[in-house]
Amino acid sequence: MGGTTEQQARHQQLGYMRSDASVETTITMMDKKNNRVVATGTSPDIIVASVNAFVEGYNVLWSRQKE
């Protein structure tokens, strides 16, 4: 938490509480062989959640290409 010492003390007096949130993204992917994958990613940051979902889906599709 930033701010001056006075601001920090004021937040404590007011019972200031920080809430943590999380985002879940879902991506549907399909390859040339019509393999379809639904992948999810979760993170406090929507960009990171989206990348995690993409990586998960890509890895599953890639592993199916080897079959």
PDB file of N, CA and C in Angstrom:
ATOM      1  N   MET A   1       0.859  -1.180   0.000  1.00  0.00           N
ATOM      2  CA  MET A   1       0.000   0.000   0.000  1.00  0.00           C
ATOM      3  C   MET A   1       0.891   1.225   0.000  1.00  0.00           C
ATOM      4  N   GLY A   2       0.664   2.132  -0.954  1.00  0.00           N
ATOM      5  CA  GLY A   2       1.478   3.325  -1.077  1.00  0.00           C
ATOM      6  C   GLY A   2       0.928   4.465  -0.245  1.00  0.00           C
ATOM      7  N   GLY A   3       1.502   5.622  -0.434  1.00  0.00           N
ATOM      8  CA  GLY A   3       1.024   6.805   0.253  1.00  0.00           C
ATOM      9  C   GLY A   3       1.930   7.180   1.406  1.00  0.00           C
ATOM     10  N   THR A   4       1.626   8.322   1.977  1.00  0.00           N
ATOM     11  CA  THR A   4       2.416   8.791   3.111  1.00  0.00           C
ATOM     12  C   THR A   4       2.072   7.992   4.352  1.00  0.00           C
ATOM     13  N   THR A   5       2.891   8.170   5.364  1.00  0.00           N
ATOM     14  CA  THR A   5       2.641   7.487   6.632  1.00  0.00           C
ATOM     15  C   THR A   5       1.290   7.900   7.205  1.00  0.00           C
ATOM     16  N   GLU A   6       0.927   9.165   7.042  1.00  0.00           N
ATOM     17  CA  GLU A   6      -0.359   9.652   7.531  1.00  0.00           C
ATOM     18  C   GLU A   6      -1.523   8.974   6.796  1.00  0.00           C
ATOM     19  N   GLN A   7      -1.398   8.805   5.462  1.00  0.00           N
ATOM     20  CA  GLN A   7      -2.444   8.138   4.691  1.00  0.00           C
ATOM     21  C   GLN A   7      -2.568   6.674   5.089  1.00  0.00           C
ATOM     22  N   GLN A   8      -1.450   6.025   5.323  1.00  0.00           N
ATOM     23  CA  GLN A   8      -1.477   4.629   5.735  1.00  0.00           C
ATOM     24  C   GLN A   8      -2.146   4.480   7.096  1.00  0.00           C
ATOM     25  N   ALA A   9      -1.835   5.396   8.013  1.00  0.00           N
ATOM     26  CA  ALA A   9      -2.451   5.355   9.334  1.00  0.00           C
ATOM     27  C   ALA A   9      -3.949   5.599   9.223  1.00  0.00           C
ATOM     28  N   ARG A  10      -4.359   6.494   8.338  1.00  0.00           N
ATOM     29  CA  ARG A  10      -5.782   6.789   8.138  1.00  0.00           C
ATOM     30  C   ARG A  10      -6.516   5.563   7.602  1.00  0.00           C
ATOM     31  N   HIS A  11      -5.895   4.841   6.654  1.00  0.00           N
ATOM     32  CA  HIS A  11      -6.504   3.625   6.129  1.00  0.00           C
ATOM     33  C   HIS A  11      -6.680   2.591   7.226  1.00  0.00           C
ATOM     34  N   GLN A  12      -5.696   2.489   8.103  1.00  0.00           N
ATOM     35  CA  GLN A  12      -5.802   1.536   9.207  1.00  0.00           C
ATOM     36  C   GLN A  12      -6.913   1.940  10.169  1.00  0.00           C
ATOM     37  N   GLN A  13      -7.054   3.222  10.426  1.00  0.00           N
ATOM     38  CA  GLN A  13      -8.113   3.698  11.317  1.00  0.00           C
ATOM     39  C   GLN A  13      -9.488   3.416  10.739  1.00  0.00           C
ATOM     40  N   LEU A  14      -9.634   3.515   9.446  1.00  0.00           N
ATOM     41  CA  LEU A  14     -10.921   3.297   8.800  1.00  0.00           C
ATOM     42  C   LEU A  14     -11.220   1.809   8.599  1.00  0.00           C
ATOM     43  N   GLY A  15     -10.278   0.966   8.964  1.00  0.00           N
ATOM     44  CA  GLY A  15     -10.482  -0.456   8.742  1.00  0.00           C
ATOM     45  C   GLY A  15     -10.346  -0.808   7.271  1.00  0.00           C
ATOM     46  N   TYR A  16      -9.504  -0.081   6.558  1.00  0.00           N
ATOM     47  CA  TYR A  16      -9.298  -0.296   5.136  1.00  0.00           C
ATOM     48  C   TYR A  16      -8.851  -1.724   4.898  1.00  0.00           C
ATOM     49  N   MET A  17      -9.559  -2.405   4.015  1.00  0.00           N
ATOM     50  CA  MET A  17      -9.195  -3.774   3.678  1.00  0.00           C
ATOM     51  C   MET A  17      -9.023  -3.870   2.175  1.00  0.00           C
ATOM     52  N   ARG A  18      -8.001  -4.557   1.779  1.00  0.00           N
ATOM     53  CA  ARG A  18      -7.744  -4.778   0.367  1.00  0.00           C
ATOM     54  C   ARG A  18      -8.391  -6.087  -0.048  1.00  0.00           C
ATOM     55  N   SER A  19      -9.151  -6.055  -1.115  1.00  0.00           N
ATOM     56  CA  SER A  19      -9.768  -7.292  -1.579  1.00  0.00           C
ATOM     57  C   SER A  19      -8.986  -7.815  -2.788  1.00  0.00           C
ATOM     58  N   ASP A  20      -8.824  -9.107  -2.839  1.00  0.00           N
ATOM     59  CA  ASP A  20      -8.143  -9.736  -3.960  1.00  0.00           C
ATOM     60  C   ASP A  20      -9.194 -10.364  -4.869  1.00  0.00           C
ATOM     61  N   ALA A  21      -9.037 -10.164  -6.145  1.00  0.00           N
ATOM     62  CA  ALA A  21      -9.972 -10.711  -7.113  1.00  0.00           C
ATOM     63  C   ALA A  21      -9.222 -11.639  -8.061  1.00  0.00           C
ATOM     64  N   SER A  22      -9.969 -12.494  -8.703  1.00  0.00           N
ATOM     65  CA  SER A  22      -9.383 -13.413  -9.663  1.00  0.00           C
ATOM     66  C   SER A  22     -10.277 -13.460 -10.902  1.00  0.00           C
ATOM     67  N   VAL A  23      -9.655 -13.660 -12.053  1.00  0.00           N
ATOM     68  CA  VAL A  23     -10.367 -13.722 -13.322  1.00  0.00           C
ATOM     69  C   VAL A  23     -10.166 -15.109 -13.911  1.00  0.00           C
ATOM     70  N   GLU A  24     -11.228 -15.654 -14.488  1.00  0.00           N
ATOM     71  CA  GLU A  24     -11.110 -16.918 -15.201  1.00  0.00           C
ATOM     72  C   GLU A  24     -11.497 -16.678 -16.647  1.00  0.00           C
ATOM     73  N   THR A  25     -10.627 -17.101 -17.565  1.00  0.00           N
ATOM     74  CA  THR A  25     -10.924 -16.983 -18.988  1.00  0.00           C
ATOM     75  C   THR A  25     -11.061 -18.373 -19.593  1.00  0.00           C
ATOM     76  N   THR A  26     -11.899 -18.478 -20.591  1.00  0.00           N
ATOM     77  CA  THR A  26     -12.118 -19.734 -21.294  1.00  0.00           C
ATOM     78  C   THR A  26     -11.891 -19.509 -22.775  1.00  0.00           C
ATOM     79  N   ILE A  27     -11.103 -20.389 -23.379  1.00  0.00           N
ATOM     80  CA  ILE A  27     -10.802 -20.305 -24.809  1.00  0.00           C
ATOM     81  C   ILE A  27     -11.173 -21.628 -25.453  1.00  0.00           C
ATOM     82  N   THR A  28     -11.850 -21.561 -26.595  1.00  0.00           N
ATOM     83  CA  THR A  28     -12.153 -22.756 -27.379  1.00  0.00           C
ATOM     84  C   THR A  28     -11.264 -22.733 -28.619  1.00  0.00           C
ATOM     85  N   MET A  29     -10.552 -23.834 -28.838  1.00  0.00           N
ATOM     86  CA  MET A  29      -9.619 -23.926 -29.961  1.00  0.00           C
ATOM     87  C   MET A  29      -9.927 -25.176 -30.774  1.00  0.00           C
ATOM     88  N   MET A  30      -9.638 -25.120 -32.099  1.00  0.00           N
ATOM     89  CA  MET A  30      -9.830 -26.279 -32.961  1.00  0.00           C
ATOM     90  C   MET A  30      -8.688 -26.324 -33.966  1.00  0.00           C
ATOM     91  N   ASP A  31      -8.202 -27.530 -34.248  1.00  0.00           N
ATOM     92  CA  ASP A  31      -7.134 -27.667 -35.228  1.00  0.00           C
ATOM     93  C   ASP A  31      -7.679 -28.159 -36.560  1.00  0.00           C
ATOM     94  N   LYS A  32      -6.772 -28.426 -37.499  1.00  0.00           N
ATOM     95  CA  LYS A  32      -7.169 -28.851 -38.854  1.00  0.00           C
ATOM     96  C   LYS A  32      -7.842 -30.217 -38.865  1.00  0.00           C
ATOM     97  N   LYS A  33      -7.588 -31.034 -37.850  1.00  0.00           N
ATOM     98  CA  LYS A  33      -8.196 -32.369 -37.761  1.00  0.00           C
ATOM     99  C   LYS A  33      -9.519 -32.339 -37.000  1.00  0.00           C
ATOM    100  N   ASN A  34     -10.029 -31.149 -36.748  1.00  0.00           N
ATOM    101  CA  ASN A  34     -11.274 -30.924 -36.000  1.00  0.00           C
ATOM    102  C   ASN A  34     -11.208 -31.387 -34.552  1.00  0.00           C
ATOM    103  N   ASN A  35     -10.008 -31.480 -33.986  1.00  0.00           N
ATOM    104  CA  ASN A  35      -9.876 -31.683 -32.543  1.00  0.00           C
ATOM    105  C   ASN A  35     -10.255 -30.377 -31.869  1.00  0.00           C
ATOM    106  N   ARG A  36     -11.186 -30.447 -30.956  1.00  0.00           N
ATOM    107  CA  ARG A  36     -11.685 -29.244 -30.271  1.00  0.00           C
ATOM    108  C   ARG A  36     -11.295 -29.311 -28.812  1.00  0.00           C
ATOM    109  N   VAL A  37     -10.800 -28.191 -28.291  1.00  0.00           N
ATOM    110  CA  VAL A  37     -10.357 -28.115 -26.902  1.00  0.00           C
ATOM    111  C   VAL A  37     -10.964 -26.872 -26.266  1.00  0.00           C
ATOM    112  N   VAL A  38     -11.438 -27.021 -25.049  1.00  0.00           N
ATOM    113  CA  VAL A  38     -11.873 -25.881 -24.240  1.00  0.00           C
ATOM    114  C   VAL A  38     -10.892 -25.790 -23.076  1.00  0.00           C
ATOM    115  N   ALA A  39     -10.159 -24.682 -23.009  1.00  0.00           N
ATOM    116  CA  ALA A  39      -9.133 -24.503 -21.988  1.00  0.00           C
ATOM    117  C   ALA A  39      -9.465 -23.297 -21.121  1.00  0.00           C
ATOM    118  N   THR A  40      -9.089 -23.359 -19.850  1.00  0.00           N
ATOM    119  CA  THR A  40      -9.327 -22.244 -18.937  1.00  0.00           C
ATOM    120  C   THR A  40      -8.021 -21.804 -18.296  1.00  0.00           C
ATOM    121  N   GLY A  41      -7.983 -20.541 -17.931  1.00  0.00           N
ATOM    122  CA  GLY A  41      -6.855 -19.964 -17.206  1.00  0.00           C
ATOM    123  C   GLY A  41      -7.383 -19.056 -16.125  1.00  0.00           C
ATOM    124  N   THR A  42      -6.717 -19.056 -14.993  1.00  0.00           N
ATOM    125  CA  THR A  42      -7.150 -18.242 -13.854  1.00  0.00           C
ATOM    126  C   THR A  42      -5.968 -17.452 -13.314  1.00  0.00           C
ATOM    127  N   SER A  43      -6.197 -16.174 -13.029  1.00  0.00           N
ATOM    128  CA  SER A  43      -5.163 -15.302 -12.482  1.00  0.00           C
ATOM    129  C   SER A  43      -5.816 -13.997 -12.029  1.00  0.00           C
ATOM    130  N   PRO A  44      -5.160 -13.251 -11.171  1.00  0.00           N
ATOM    131  CA  PRO A  44      -5.671 -11.912 -10.842  1.00  0.00           C
ATOM    132  C   PRO A  44      -5.586 -10.954 -12.034  1.00  0.00           C
ATOM    133  N   ASP A  45      -4.730 -11.251 -12.996  1.00  0.00           N
ATOM    134  CA  ASP A  45      -4.537 -10.406 -14.173  1.00  0.00           C
ATOM    135  C   ASP A  45      -5.199 -11.072 -15.389  1.00  0.00           C
ATOM    136  N   ILE A  46      -6.063 -10.346 -16.093  1.00  0.00           N
ATOM    137  CA  ILE A  46      -6.801 -10.933 -17.216  1.00  0.00           C
ATOM    138  C   ILE A  46      -5.883 -11.341 -18.365  1.00  0.00           C
ATOM    139  N   ILE A  47      -4.798 -10.608 -18.565  1.00  0.00           N
ATOM    140  CA  ILE A  47      -3.854 -10.972 -19.627  1.00  0.00           C
ATOM    141  C   ILE A  47      -3.176 -12.296 -19.288  1.00  0.00           C
ATOM    142  N   VAL A  48      -2.725 -12.437 -18.063  1.00  0.00           N
ATOM    143  CA  VAL A  48      -2.064 -13.674 -17.625  1.00  0.00           C
ATOM    144  C   VAL A  48      -3.045 -14.842 -17.693  1.00  0.00           C
ATOM    145  N   ALA A  49      -4.290 -14.627 -17.277  1.00  0.00           N
ATOM    146  CA  ALA A  49      -5.302 -15.688 -17.344  1.00  0.00           C
ATOM    147  C   ALA A  49      -5.535 -16.117 -18.783  1.00  0.00           C
ATOM    148  N   SER A  50      -5.575 -15.162 -19.702  1.00  0.00           N
ATOM    149  CA  SER A  50      -5.782 -15.479 -21.115  1.00  0.00           C
ATOM    150  C   SER A  50      -4.605 -16.256 -21.693  1.00  0.00           C
ATOM    151  N   VAL A  51      -3.399 -15.847 -21.347  1.00  0.00           N
ATOM    152  CA  VAL A  51      -2.209 -16.548 -21.830  1.00  0.00           C
ATOM    153  C   VAL A  51      -2.173 -17.964 -21.263  1.00  0.00           C
ATOM    154  N   ASN A  52      -2.500 -18.123 -19.993  1.00  0.00           N
ATOM    155  CA  ASN A  52      -2.523 -19.459 -19.382  1.00  0.00           C
ATOM    156  C   ASN A  52      -3.523 -20.372 -20.089  1.00  0.00           C
ATOM    157  N   ALA A  53      -4.685 -19.852 -20.422  1.00  0.00           N
ATOM    158  CA  ALA A  53      -5.691 -20.648 -21.125  1.00  0.00           C
ATOM    159  C   ALA A  53      -5.188 -21.018 -22.517  1.00  0.00           C
ATOM    160  N   PHE A  54      -4.581 -20.071 -23.215  1.00  0.00           N
ATOM    161  CA  PHE A  54      -4.057 -20.347 -24.546  1.00  0.00           C
ATOM    162  C   PHE A  54      -2.981 -21.431 -24.500  1.00  0.00           C
ATOM    163  N   VAL A  55      -2.056 -21.310 -23.559  1.00  0.00           N
ATOM    164  CA  VAL A  55      -0.967 -22.283 -23.441  1.00  0.00           C
ATOM    165  C   VAL A  55      -1.526 -23.675 -23.144  1.00  0.00           C
ATOM    166  N   GLU A  56      -2.491 -23.742 -22.238  1.00  0.00           N
ATOM    167  CA  GLU A  56      -3.107 -25.034 -21.915  1.00  0.00           C
ATOM    168  C   GLU A  56      -3.755 -25.651 -23.161  1.00  0.00           C
ATOM    169  N   GLY A  57      -4.554 -24.865 -23.864  1.00  0.00           N
ATOM    170  CA  GLY A  57      -5.233 -25.364 -25.063  1.00  0.00           C
ATOM    171  C   GLY A  57      -4.261 -25.746 -26.161  1.00  0.00           C
ATOM    172  N   TYR A  58      -3.243 -24.930 -26.386  1.00  0.00           N
ATOM    173  CA  TYR A  58      -2.246 -25.217 -27.409  1.00  0.00           C
ATOM    174  C   TYR A  58      -1.518 -26.522 -27.103  1.00  0.00           C
ATOM    175  N   ASN A  59      -1.133 -26.714 -25.852  1.00  0.00           N
ATOM    176  CA  ASN A  59      -0.425 -27.934 -25.466  1.00  0.00           C
ATOM    177  C   ASN A  59      -1.278 -29.183 -25.680  1.00  0.00           C
ATOM    178  N   VAL A  60      -2.559 -29.099 -25.383  1.00  0.00           N
ATOM    179  CA  VAL A  60      -3.444 -30.251 -25.587  1.00  0.00           C
ATOM    180  C   VAL A  60      -3.569 -30.542 -27.080  1.00  0.00           C
ATOM    181  N   LEU A  61      -3.791 -29.516 -27.885  1.00  0.00           N
ATOM    182  CA  LEU A  61      -3.892 -29.722 -29.340  1.00  0.00           C
ATOM    183  C   LEU A  61      -2.581 -30.272 -29.911  1.00  0.00           C
ATOM    184  N   TRP A  62      -1.467 -29.748 -29.452  1.00  0.00           N
ATOM    185  CA  TRP A  62      -0.165 -30.211 -29.920  1.00  0.00           C
ATOM    186  C   TRP A  62       0.039 -31.690 -29.591  1.00  0.00           C
ATOM    187  N   SER A  63      -0.345 -32.086 -28.377  1.00  0.00           N
ATOM    188  CA  SER A  63      -0.183 -33.489 -27.987  1.00  0.00           C
ATOM    189  C   SER A  63      -1.079 -34.401 -28.825  1.00  0.00           C
ATOM    190  N   ARG A  64      -2.227 -33.912 -29.247  1.00  0.00           N
ATOM    191  CA  ARG A  64      -3.130 -34.718 -30.093  1.00  0.00           C
ATOM    192  C   ARG A  64      -2.581 -34.850 -31.515  1.00  0.00           C
ATOM    193  N   GLN A  65      -1.779 -33.895 -31.964  1.00  0.00           N
ATOM    194  CA  GLN A  65      -1.176 -33.971 -33.294  1.00  0.00           C
ATOM    195  C   GLN A  65      -0.162 -35.118 -33.369  1.00  0.00           C
ATOM    196  N   LYS A  66       0.425 -35.456 -32.247  1.00  0.00           N
ATOM    197  CA  LYS A  66       1.438 -36.507 -32.214  1.00  0.00           C
ATOM    198  C   LYS A  66       0.817 -37.904 -32.286  1.00  0.00           C
ATOM    199  N   GLU A  67      -0.478 -37.994 -32.065  1.00  0.00           N
ATOM    200  CA  GLU A  67      -1.152 -39.301 -32.038  1.00  0.00           C
ATOM    201  C   GLU A  67      -1.386 -39.831 -33.428  1.00  0.00           C
TER     202      GLU A  67
END
